[in-house]
Protein backbone atom coordinates (compact mmCIF):
# COMPACT_ATOMS: atom_id res chain seq x y z
CA MET A 1 89.79 93.86 69.43
CA LYS A 2 87.26 91.21 70.21
CA ASN A 3 88.15 87.55 69.79
CA THR A 4 85.35 86.64 67.45
CA PRO A 5 85.53 84.43 64.35
CA GLN A 6 84.56 87.38 62.12
CA ALA A 7 87.43 89.49 63.43
CA TRP A 8 89.88 86.64 62.79
CA GLU A 9 88.54 86.12 59.26
CA ARG A 10 88.88 89.85 58.49
CA LEU A 11 92.42 89.87 59.86
CA THR A 12 93.52 86.83 57.83
CA ALA A 13 91.81 88.16 54.70
CA THR A 14 93.64 91.47 55.08
CA ALA A 15 96.94 89.65 55.62
CA ARG A 16 96.38 87.56 52.50
CA SER A 17 95.64 90.58 50.38
CA ALA A 18 98.78 92.47 51.49
CA PRO A 19 101.48 92.52 48.83
CA ASP A 20 104.64 90.49 49.53
CA GLU A 21 107.48 93.00 49.31
CA ARG A 22 110.26 90.68 50.50
CA ASP A 23 113.31 90.27 48.31
CA VAL A 24 113.35 87.10 46.30
CA LEU A 25 117.12 87.09 45.93
CA ALA A 26 119.70 86.84 48.65
CA PRO A 27 121.48 90.11 49.49
CA PHE A 28 124.74 90.95 47.76
CA GLY A 29 127.68 89.01 49.21
CA PHE A 30 125.52 86.53 51.13
CA ALA A 31 127.12 83.45 49.56
CA THR A 32 130.59 84.81 50.30
CA ARG A 33 129.72 85.40 53.95
CA VAL A 34 128.24 81.92 54.30
CA ALA A 35 131.30 80.32 52.71
CA ALA A 36 133.64 82.37 54.89
CA LEU A 37 131.78 81.36 58.04
CA ALA A 38 131.78 77.72 57.00
CA MET A 39 135.52 77.69 56.34
CA ALA A 40 136.41 79.77 59.40
CA GLU A 41 138.62 78.05 61.88
CA ARG A 42 136.92 77.18 65.12
CA PRO A 43 138.61 78.94 68.04
CA THR A 44 138.54 75.87 70.26
CA GLY A 45 138.43 72.25 69.23
CA SER A 46 137.12 69.48 71.38
CA LEU A 47 139.33 68.13 74.13
CA ILE A 48 139.57 64.68 72.53
CA GLU A 49 140.50 66.23 69.21
CA ARG A 50 143.40 68.15 70.70
CA PHE A 51 144.75 65.17 72.64
CA ALA A 52 144.34 62.84 69.65
CA LEU A 53 146.39 65.14 67.44
CA ARG A 54 149.13 65.40 70.06
CA ALA A 55 149.14 61.63 70.58
CA MET A 56 149.44 61.04 66.83
CA ILE A 57 152.37 63.44 66.57
CA MET A 58 154.05 61.78 69.56
CA ALA A 59 153.53 58.29 68.10
CA CYS A 60 154.99 59.33 64.74
CA GLY A 61 157.99 60.86 66.48
CA LEU A 62 158.59 57.71 68.54
CA ALA A 63 158.33 55.55 65.42
CA ILE A 64 160.93 57.67 63.62
CA VAL A 65 163.25 57.51 66.63
CA ALA A 66 162.84 53.71 66.84
CA VAL A 67 163.70 53.29 63.17
CA ALA A 68 166.70 55.60 63.49
CA VAL A 69 168.05 53.77 66.56
CA ASN A 70 167.66 50.29 65.02
CA TYR A 71 168.64 51.16 61.45
CA SER A 72 172.10 49.62 61.67
CA SER A 73 170.69 46.34 63.04
CA VAL A 74 168.07 46.10 60.33
CA ARG A 75 170.57 47.00 57.61
CA GLY A 76 172.95 44.32 58.94
CA LEU A 77 170.22 41.67 58.76
CA PHE A 78 169.50 42.41 55.12
CA ALA A 79 173.17 42.72 54.18
CA GLN A 80 174.04 39.19 55.33
CA GLU A 81 173.62 36.29 52.97
CA GLN A 82 170.47 34.36 53.73
CA THR A 83 171.89 30.89 54.44
CA PRO A 84 170.13 28.64 56.91
CA ALA A 85 171.87 27.80 60.14
CA PRO A 86 173.48 24.32 60.15
CA ASP A 87 171.49 23.16 63.16
CA ASP A 88 168.12 24.23 61.75
CA PRO A 89 166.00 21.04 61.41
CA VAL A 90 163.50 22.66 59.06
CA ALA A 91 166.27 23.73 56.69
CA GLU A 92 167.84 20.24 56.80
CA MET A 93 164.49 18.64 55.92
CA ALA A 94 163.99 21.12 53.08
CA ASP A 95 167.47 20.26 51.71
CA LEU A 96 166.72 16.52 51.91
CA ALA A 97 163.40 16.95 50.10
CA SER A 98 164.91 18.90 47.22
């Protein structure tokens, strides 16, 4: 076919006059497939993501261990009566002011 303007015009005119037989609607089950692909678990996460999750789990475990080890000390602090020490200058000044 020759590359002339008339040939191009005939070709575009023929293409415009061709009926559009494409489906207007999505095929059956398309939305389900798209939703399933979107919610599918990725086989591999990023390296930072994996290490961050492990670090968070380790930090939570260490925090629980620290609370468990020091529980008796903390409980003893709250069980004692909160009286100021006799040699506390701030407490002595507060007693004098009141």
